[in-house]
Amino acid sequence: MKQDEQRSIEGCDEFCRTALSLFRFIGAAYATGASDCWEAAYRFADEAPGITDSPLLVARVAALVRILRSGRPCDLCFMPPSCRRLSKDEAELMRVLAVARRRESAELKTVVGQFVGIEQERAATRAVNALAFC
C-alpha cells in the first residue's frame, strides 16, 4: 500500500476490501454485543463477488479478531462498515493482509510481531495466512 493510501480503502484490493468490511461488522458485534452485526457479516460475505465459501471467510476473520483482541492491551479500533477511511488499526490489518497475500513470510513475521506482540505472533501469523488464502 502506498504511503498516501494507508488511511483510505483506495489502496486495498477487492479481497482486502471485503475482509475489511467483515472486520468492521465483527468489530461492531464485539463492541455492541448485537447479533445483527454477525448476520450482517454473513450476509455481506454471501453477496461479495468472488467468495466461494463465505461462512469460512467470516470464521477466519472472526478467528483473527479474537487472537488480536487477546494479544493487545486495548481494543481494536474499527470504523463503520461504509466508511472510506481506515483507522490506524485497520490500516495495519490491511498492511498485514497484503503482505500475507504476497507470500512474504519474513516480512509477515515482522509486521505481525509489531502489531500483536511476540506472545501472539505465531497464532496471528497462522490466522492471517489462513484468511489471506481463503
N, C-alpha and C. Protein backbone atom coordinates (compact mmCIF):
# COMPACT_ATOMS: atom_id res chain seq x y z
N MET A 1 0.83 -1.17 0.00
CA MET A 1 0.00 0.00 0.00
C MET A 1 0.88 1.24 0.00
N LYS A 2 0.59 2.20 -0.83
CA LYS A 2 1.36 3.43 -0.91
C LYS A 2 1.12 4.28 0.33
N GLN A 3 2.09 5.14 0.64
CA GLN A 3 2.02 5.98 1.83
C GLN A 3 0.74 6.82 1.87
N ASP A 4 0.37 7.45 0.75
CA ASP A 4 -0.81 8.31 0.74
C ASP A 4 -2.11 7.53 0.76
N GLU A 5 -2.05 6.21 0.55
CA GLU A 5 -3.26 5.39 0.55
C GLU A 5 -3.41 4.61 1.85
N GLN A 6 -2.49 4.78 2.79
CA GLN A 6 -2.51 3.99 4.00
C GLN A 6 -3.75 4.22 4.86
N ARG A 7 -4.36 5.35 4.81
CA ARG A 7 -5.50 5.62 5.65
C ARG A 7 -6.81 5.70 4.86
N SER A 8 -6.83 5.07 3.69
CA SER A 8 -8.01 5.04 2.83
C SER A 8 -8.14 3.65 2.23
N ILE A 9 -9.35 3.27 1.91
CA ILE A 9 -9.55 1.95 1.30
C ILE A 9 -9.11 1.91 -0.16
N GLU A 10 -8.77 3.06 -0.72
CA GLU A 10 -8.40 3.13 -2.13
C GLU A 10 -7.20 2.24 -2.48
N GLY A 11 -6.29 2.02 -1.54
CA GLY A 11 -5.12 1.21 -1.82
C GLY A 11 -5.33 -0.28 -1.63
N CYS A 12 -6.54 -0.68 -1.27
CA CYS A 12 -6.84 -2.08 -0.99
C CYS A 12 -7.42 -2.77 -2.21
N ASP A 13 -7.05 -4.04 -2.42
CA ASP A 13 -7.66 -4.80 -3.50
C ASP A 13 -9.06 -5.27 -3.06
N GLU A 14 -9.78 -5.90 -3.97
CA GLU A 14 -11.17 -6.30 -3.69
C GLU A 14 -11.28 -7.27 -2.52
N PHE A 15 -10.37 -8.24 -2.45
CA PHE A 15 -10.40 -9.19 -1.34
C PHE A 15 -10.19 -8.47 -0.01
N CYS A 16 -9.21 -7.58 0.04
CA CYS A 16 -8.93 -6.86 1.28
C CYS A 16 -10.09 -5.95 1.68
N ARG A 17 -10.77 -5.37 0.70
CA ARG A 17 -11.95 -4.54 1.00
C ARG A 17 -13.07 -5.39 1.59
N THR A 18 -13.24 -6.58 1.05
CA THR A 18 -14.24 -7.50 1.60
C THR A 18 -13.87 -7.87 3.03
N ALA A 19 -12.61 -8.23 3.24
CA ALA A 19 -12.14 -8.59 4.58
C ALA A 19 -12.31 -7.42 5.54
N LEU A 20 -12.00 -6.21 5.07
CA LEU A 20 -12.14 -5.02 5.91
C LEU A 20 -13.58 -4.85 6.38
N SER A 21 -14.52 -5.00 5.47
CA SER A 21 -15.93 -4.88 5.86
C SER A 21 -16.29 -5.93 6.91
N LEU A 22 -15.79 -7.15 6.73
CA LEU A 22 -16.05 -8.20 7.71
C LEU A 22 -15.41 -7.87 9.06
N PHE A 23 -14.18 -7.36 9.03
CA PHE A 23 -13.55 -6.93 10.28
C PHE A 23 -14.42 -5.90 10.99
N ARG A 24 -14.97 -4.98 10.22
CA ARG A 24 -15.81 -3.91 10.80
C ARG A 24 -17.11 -4.47 11.37
N PHE A 25 -17.77 -5.36 10.66
CA PHE A 25 -19.00 -5.95 11.19
C PHE A 25 -18.72 -6.75 12.46
N ILE A 26 -17.66 -7.53 12.44
CA ILE A 26 -17.32 -8.36 13.60
C ILE A 26 -16.85 -7.48 14.76
N GLY A 27 -16.09 -6.44 14.44
CA GLY A 27 -15.69 -5.49 15.48
C GLY A 27 -16.90 -4.84 16.13
N ALA A 28 -17.89 -4.49 15.32
CA ALA A 28 -19.12 -3.91 15.86
C ALA A 28 -19.88 -4.91 16.72
N ALA A 29 -19.85 -6.18 16.32
CA ALA A 29 -20.51 -7.22 17.12
C ALA A 29 -19.87 -7.33 18.50
N TYR A 30 -18.55 -7.30 18.55
CA TYR A 30 -17.87 -7.34 19.85
C TYR A 30 -18.12 -6.08 20.67
N ALA A 31 -18.14 -4.94 20.01
CA ALA A 31 -18.32 -3.68 20.72
C ALA A 31 -19.72 -3.51 21.28
N THR A 32 -20.72 -4.01 20.54
CA THR A 32 -22.11 -3.78 20.94
C THR A 32 -22.79 -5.01 21.52
N GLY A 33 -22.28 -6.17 21.19
CA GLY A 33 -22.94 -7.41 21.61
C GLY A 33 -24.17 -7.73 20.78
N ALA A 34 -24.37 -7.01 19.68
CA ALA A 34 -25.56 -7.18 18.85
C ALA A 34 -25.36 -8.32 17.84
N SER A 35 -26.29 -9.26 17.85
CA SER A 35 -26.20 -10.38 16.90
C SER A 35 -26.46 -9.93 15.47
N ASP A 36 -27.12 -8.79 15.29
CA ASP A 36 -27.37 -8.27 13.95
C ASP A 36 -26.06 -8.03 13.20
N CYS A 37 -25.02 -7.68 13.92
CA CYS A 37 -23.72 -7.43 13.29
C CYS A 37 -23.15 -8.71 12.70
N TRP A 38 -23.34 -9.83 13.40
CA TRP A 38 -22.89 -11.12 12.87
C TRP A 38 -23.68 -11.47 11.62
N GLU A 39 -24.98 -11.27 11.67
CA GLU A 39 -25.83 -11.54 10.50
C GLU A 39 -25.41 -10.68 9.32
N ALA A 40 -25.10 -9.41 9.59
CA ALA A 40 -24.66 -8.51 8.53
C ALA A 40 -23.35 -9.00 7.92
N ALA A 41 -22.44 -9.51 8.74
CA ALA A 41 -21.17 -10.05 8.23
C ALA A 41 -21.42 -11.22 7.31
N TYR A 42 -22.25 -12.15 7.73
CA TYR A 42 -22.54 -13.32 6.88
C TYR A 42 -23.26 -12.92 5.60
N ARG A 43 -24.21 -12.00 5.71
CA ARG A 43 -24.94 -11.54 4.52
C ARG A 43 -23.99 -10.85 3.54
N PHE A 44 -23.11 -9.99 4.09
CA PHE A 44 -22.15 -9.29 3.24
C PHE A 44 -21.24 -10.28 2.53
N ALA A 45 -20.72 -11.26 3.25
CA ALA A 45 -19.83 -12.26 2.65
C ALA A 45 -20.56 -13.08 1.59
N ASP A 46 -21.83 -13.41 1.86
CA ASP A 46 -22.62 -14.17 0.88
C ASP A 46 -22.77 -13.40 -0.43
N GLU A 47 -22.85 -12.08 -0.35
CA GLU A 47 -23.09 -11.25 -1.53
C GLU A 47 -21.81 -10.75 -2.18
N ALA A 48 -20.66 -10.95 -1.54
CA ALA A 48 -19.40 -10.44 -2.08
C ALA A 48 -18.99 -11.24 -3.32
N PRO A 49 -18.56 -10.54 -4.37
CA PRO A 49 -18.14 -11.25 -5.59
C PRO A 49 -16.83 -12.01 -5.36
N GLY A 50 -16.76 -13.17 -5.96
CA GLY A 50 -15.52 -13.95 -5.91
C GLY A 50 -15.28 -14.75 -4.65
N ILE A 51 -16.23 -14.75 -3.73
CA ILE A 51 -16.08 -15.50 -2.49
C ILE A 51 -16.84 -16.81 -2.64
N THR A 52 -16.13 -17.94 -2.56
CA THR A 52 -16.77 -19.23 -2.77
C THR A 52 -17.25 -19.87 -1.48
N ASP A 53 -16.64 -19.54 -0.36
CA ASP A 53 -17.03 -20.12 0.93
C ASP A 53 -17.17 -19.01 1.95
N SER A 54 -18.30 -18.30 1.89
CA SER A 54 -18.48 -17.13 2.74
C SER A 54 -18.49 -17.45 4.23
N PRO A 55 -19.10 -18.56 4.69
CA PRO A 55 -19.04 -18.85 6.13
C PRO A 55 -17.60 -19.07 6.63
N LEU A 56 -16.78 -19.71 5.81
CA LEU A 56 -15.38 -19.92 6.19
C LEU A 56 -14.63 -18.59 6.25
N LEU A 57 -14.90 -17.70 5.31
CA LEU A 57 -14.25 -16.39 5.32
C LEU A 57 -14.61 -15.61 6.59
N VAL A 58 -15.89 -15.60 6.96
CA VAL A 58 -16.32 -14.92 8.18
C VAL A 58 -15.65 -15.55 9.39
N ALA A 59 -15.58 -16.86 9.43
CA ALA A 59 -14.94 -17.56 10.55
C ALA A 59 -13.47 -17.21 10.67
N ARG A 60 -12.79 -17.10 9.54
CA ARG A 60 -11.36 -16.78 9.59
C ARG A 60 -11.13 -15.33 10.02
N VAL A 61 -11.97 -14.44 9.59
CA VAL A 61 -11.86 -13.05 10.06
C VAL A 61 -12.13 -13.01 11.56
N ALA A 62 -13.17 -13.70 12.00
CA ALA A 62 -13.51 -13.72 13.43
C ALA A 62 -12.38 -14.33 14.26
N ALA A 63 -11.76 -15.39 13.76
CA ALA A 63 -10.64 -16.02 14.48
C ALA A 63 -9.50 -15.03 14.64
N LEU A 64 -9.18 -14.30 13.59
CA LEU A 64 -8.11 -13.32 13.68
C LEU A 64 -8.46 -12.20 14.66
N VAL A 65 -9.69 -11.74 14.62
CA VAL A 65 -10.12 -10.69 15.56
C VAL A 65 -9.98 -11.19 17.00
N ARG A 66 -10.37 -12.42 17.26
CA ARG A 66 -10.25 -12.98 18.62
C ARG A 66 -8.79 -13.03 19.07
N ILE A 67 -7.91 -13.46 18.17
CA ILE A 67 -6.49 -13.52 18.51
C ILE A 67 -5.96 -12.11 18.79
N LEU A 68 -6.31 -11.18 17.94
CA LEU A 68 -5.84 -9.81 18.12
C LEU A 68 -6.38 -9.18 19.40
N ARG A 69 -7.63 -9.46 19.72
CA ARG A 69 -8.21 -8.92 20.95
C ARG A 69 -7.52 -9.49 22.19
N SER A 70 -7.10 -10.73 22.12
CA SER A 70 -6.48 -11.35 23.29
C SER A 70 -5.02 -10.93 23.46
N GLY A 71 -4.39 -10.46 22.41
CA GLY A 71 -2.98 -10.14 22.49
C GLY A 71 -2.65 -8.67 22.58
N ARG A 72 -3.65 -7.83 22.76
CA ARG A 72 -3.42 -6.38 22.80
C ARG A 72 -3.94 -5.80 24.10
N PRO A 73 -3.28 -4.77 24.58
CA PRO A 73 -3.72 -4.16 25.84
C PRO A 73 -4.99 -3.31 25.70
N CYS A 74 -5.34 -2.93 24.47
CA CYS A 74 -6.55 -2.13 24.28
C CYS A 74 -7.34 -2.68 23.11
N ASP A 75 -8.60 -2.30 23.02
CA ASP A 75 -9.46 -2.77 21.94
C ASP A 75 -8.99 -2.26 20.59
N LEU A 76 -9.29 -3.04 19.57
CA LEU A 76 -9.04 -2.61 18.20
C LEU A 76 -10.03 -1.51 17.85
N CYS A 77 -9.60 -0.59 17.01
CA CYS A 77 -10.47 0.50 16.57
C CYS A 77 -10.93 0.21 15.15
N PHE A 78 -12.25 -0.01 14.99
CA PHE A 78 -12.84 -0.24 13.68
C PHE A 78 -13.79 0.89 13.34
N MET A 79 -13.73 1.34 12.10
CA MET A 79 -14.64 2.36 11.60
C MET A 79 -15.96 1.69 11.21
N PRO A 80 -17.01 2.48 10.96
CA PRO A 80 -18.27 1.89 10.48
C PRO A 80 -18.06 1.25 9.10
N PRO A 81 -18.84 0.22 8.76
CA PRO A 81 -18.64 -0.51 7.50
C PRO A 81 -18.65 0.34 6.24
N SER A 82 -19.40 1.43 6.22
CA SER A 82 -19.48 2.23 5.00
C SER A 82 -18.38 3.29 4.89
N CYS A 83 -17.56 3.44 5.90
CA CYS A 83 -16.53 4.49 5.91
C CYS A 83 -15.42 4.19 4.91
N ARG A 84 -14.96 5.20 4.20
CA ARG A 84 -13.90 5.04 3.20
C ARG A 84 -12.51 5.24 3.81
N ARG A 85 -12.46 5.74 5.02
CA ARG A 85 -11.18 5.94 5.70
C ARG A 85 -10.87 4.74 6.57
N LEU A 86 -9.61 4.58 6.90
CA LEU A 86 -9.16 3.49 7.75
C LEU A 86 -8.66 4.03 9.08
N SER A 87 -9.02 3.34 10.15
CA SER A 87 -8.41 3.66 11.44
C SER A 87 -6.96 3.19 11.38
N LYS A 88 -6.19 3.57 12.36
CA LYS A 88 -4.79 3.12 12.42
C LYS A 88 -4.73 1.59 12.48
N ASP A 89 -5.58 0.98 13.30
CA ASP A 89 -5.61 -0.49 13.41
C ASP A 89 -6.01 -1.14 12.09
N GLU A 90 -7.00 -0.58 11.42
CA GLU A 90 -7.44 -1.13 10.13
C GLU A 90 -6.34 -1.01 9.08
N ALA A 91 -5.65 0.12 9.05
CA ALA A 91 -4.55 0.30 8.10
C ALA A 91 -3.48 -0.76 8.34
N GLU A 92 -3.20 -1.03 9.59
CA GLU A 92 -2.19 -2.04 9.92
C GLU A 92 -2.68 -3.43 9.54
N LEU A 93 -3.95 -3.72 9.78
CA LEU A 93 -4.52 -5.01 9.37
C LEU A 93 -4.45 -5.20 7.86
N MET A 94 -4.75 -4.15 7.10
CA MET A 94 -4.69 -4.24 5.64
C MET A 94 -3.24 -4.44 5.19
N ARG A 95 -2.31 -3.81 5.87
CA ARG A 95 -0.89 -3.99 5.55
C ARG A 95 -0.47 -5.44 5.80
N VAL A 96 -0.87 -5.97 6.95
CA VAL A 96 -0.53 -7.36 7.30
C VAL A 96 -1.14 -8.32 6.29
N LEU A 97 -2.40 -8.11 5.95
CA LEU A 97 -3.08 -8.98 4.99
C LEU A 97 -2.43 -8.90 3.61
N ALA A 98 -2.06 -7.70 3.18
CA ALA A 98 -1.40 -7.54 1.87
C ALA A 98 -0.06 -8.27 1.84
N VAL A 99 0.71 -8.18 2.92
CA VAL A 99 1.99 -8.87 2.99
C VAL A 99 1.77 -10.38 2.92
N ALA A 100 0.78 -10.88 3.64
CA ALA A 100 0.48 -12.32 3.61
C ALA A 100 0.07 -12.76 2.22
N ARG A 101 -0.72 -11.95 1.54
CA ARG A 101 -1.19 -12.32 0.20
C ARG A 101 -0.04 -12.32 -0.82
N ARG A 102 1.01 -11.57 -0.54
CA ARG A 102 2.20 -11.59 -1.41
C ARG A 102 3.14 -12.72 -1.05
N ARG A 103 2.79 -13.49 -0.03
CA ARG A 103 3.59 -14.63 0.43
C ARG A 103 5.01 -14.24 0.82
N GLU A 104 5.12 -13.13 1.53
CA GLU A 104 6.41 -12.66 2.02
C GLU A 104 6.54 -13.02 3.49
N SER A 105 6.94 -14.26 3.75
CA SER A 105 6.91 -14.79 5.12
C SER A 105 7.82 -14.06 6.08
N ALA A 106 9.00 -13.65 5.67
CA ALA A 106 9.91 -12.93 6.58
C ALA A 106 9.31 -11.58 6.96
N GLU A 107 8.80 -10.85 5.98
CA GLU A 107 8.18 -9.55 6.28
C GLU A 107 6.91 -9.75 7.09
N LEU A 108 6.15 -10.80 6.79
CA LEU A 108 4.92 -11.06 7.54
C LEU A 108 5.22 -11.26 9.02
N LYS A 109 6.23 -12.03 9.32
CA LYS A 109 6.59 -12.26 10.71
C LYS A 109 6.90 -10.93 11.41
N THR A 110 7.62 -10.07 10.74
CA THR A 110 7.97 -8.77 11.32
C THR A 110 6.74 -7.90 11.55
N VAL A 111 5.87 -7.76 10.53
CA VAL A 111 4.72 -6.87 10.68
C VAL A 111 3.70 -7.43 11.67
N VAL A 112 3.53 -8.74 11.68
CA VAL A 112 2.61 -9.34 12.65
C VAL A 112 3.15 -9.14 14.07
N GLY A 113 4.44 -9.39 14.24
CA GLY A 113 5.06 -9.20 15.56
C GLY A 113 4.93 -7.79 16.07
N GLN A 114 5.06 -6.81 15.19
CA GLN A 114 4.91 -5.41 15.59
C GLN A 114 3.46 -5.09 15.96
N PHE A 115 2.53 -5.74 15.29
CA PHE A 115 1.11 -5.45 15.50
C PHE A 115 0.55 -6.13 16.74
N VAL A 116 0.93 -7.38 16.97
CA VAL A 116 0.32 -8.14 18.07
C VAL A 116 1.27 -8.45 19.22
N GLY A 117 2.54 -8.30 19.01
CA GLY A 117 3.49 -8.66 20.06
C GLY A 117 3.93 -10.11 19.91
N ILE A 118 5.03 -10.42 20.52
CA ILE A 118 5.66 -11.73 20.37
C ILE A 118 4.81 -12.88 20.89
N GLU A 119 4.01 -12.64 21.94
CA GLU A 119 3.21 -13.70 22.54
C GLU A 119 2.16 -14.27 21.59
N GLN A 120 1.59 -13.42 20.78
CA GLN A 120 0.52 -13.84 19.86
C GLN A 120 0.99 -13.96 18.41
N GLU A 121 2.27 -13.77 18.18
CA GLU A 121 2.79 -13.73 16.80
C GLU A 121 2.50 -15.00 16.02
N ARG A 122 2.75 -16.14 16.61
CA ARG A 122 2.58 -17.41 15.91
C ARG A 122 1.11 -17.65 15.53
N ALA A 123 0.22 -17.50 16.51
CA ALA A 123 -1.21 -17.72 16.24
C ALA A 123 -1.75 -16.70 15.24
N ALA A 124 -1.33 -15.46 15.38
CA ALA A 124 -1.81 -14.42 14.46
C ALA A 124 -1.29 -14.66 13.05
N THR A 125 -0.04 -15.11 12.92
CA THR A 125 0.51 -15.39 11.60
C THR A 125 -0.25 -16.52 10.92
N ARG A 126 -0.55 -17.58 11.66
CA ARG A 126 -1.34 -18.67 11.09
C ARG A 126 -2.72 -18.19 10.66
N ALA A 127 -3.36 -17.38 11.51
CA ALA A 127 -4.70 -16.87 11.20
C ALA A 127 -4.69 -15.94 9.99
N VAL A 128 -3.68 -15.09 9.90
CA VAL A 128 -3.57 -14.19 8.75
C VAL A 128 -3.36 -14.97 7.46
N ASN A 129 -2.48 -15.96 7.50
CA ASN A 129 -2.24 -16.77 6.31
C ASN A 129 -3.50 -17.53 5.90
N ALA A 130 -4.23 -18.07 6.86
CA ALA A 130 -5.47 -18.78 6.55
C ALA A 130 -6.49 -17.84 5.90
N LEU A 131 -6.58 -16.63 6.42
CA LEU A 131 -7.50 -15.64 5.87
C LEU A 131 -7.04 -15.20 4.48
N ALA A 132 -5.77 -14.96 4.31
CA ALA A 132 -5.25 -14.42 3.05
C ALA A 132 -5.50 -15.34 1.87
N PHE A 133 -5.62 -16.63 2.13
CA PHE A 133 -5.80 -17.60 1.03
C PHE A 133 -7.11 -18.34 1.13
N CYS A 134 -8.11 -17.71 1.70
CA CYS A 134 -9.43 -18.30 1.87
C CYS A 134 -10.17 -18.29 0.55
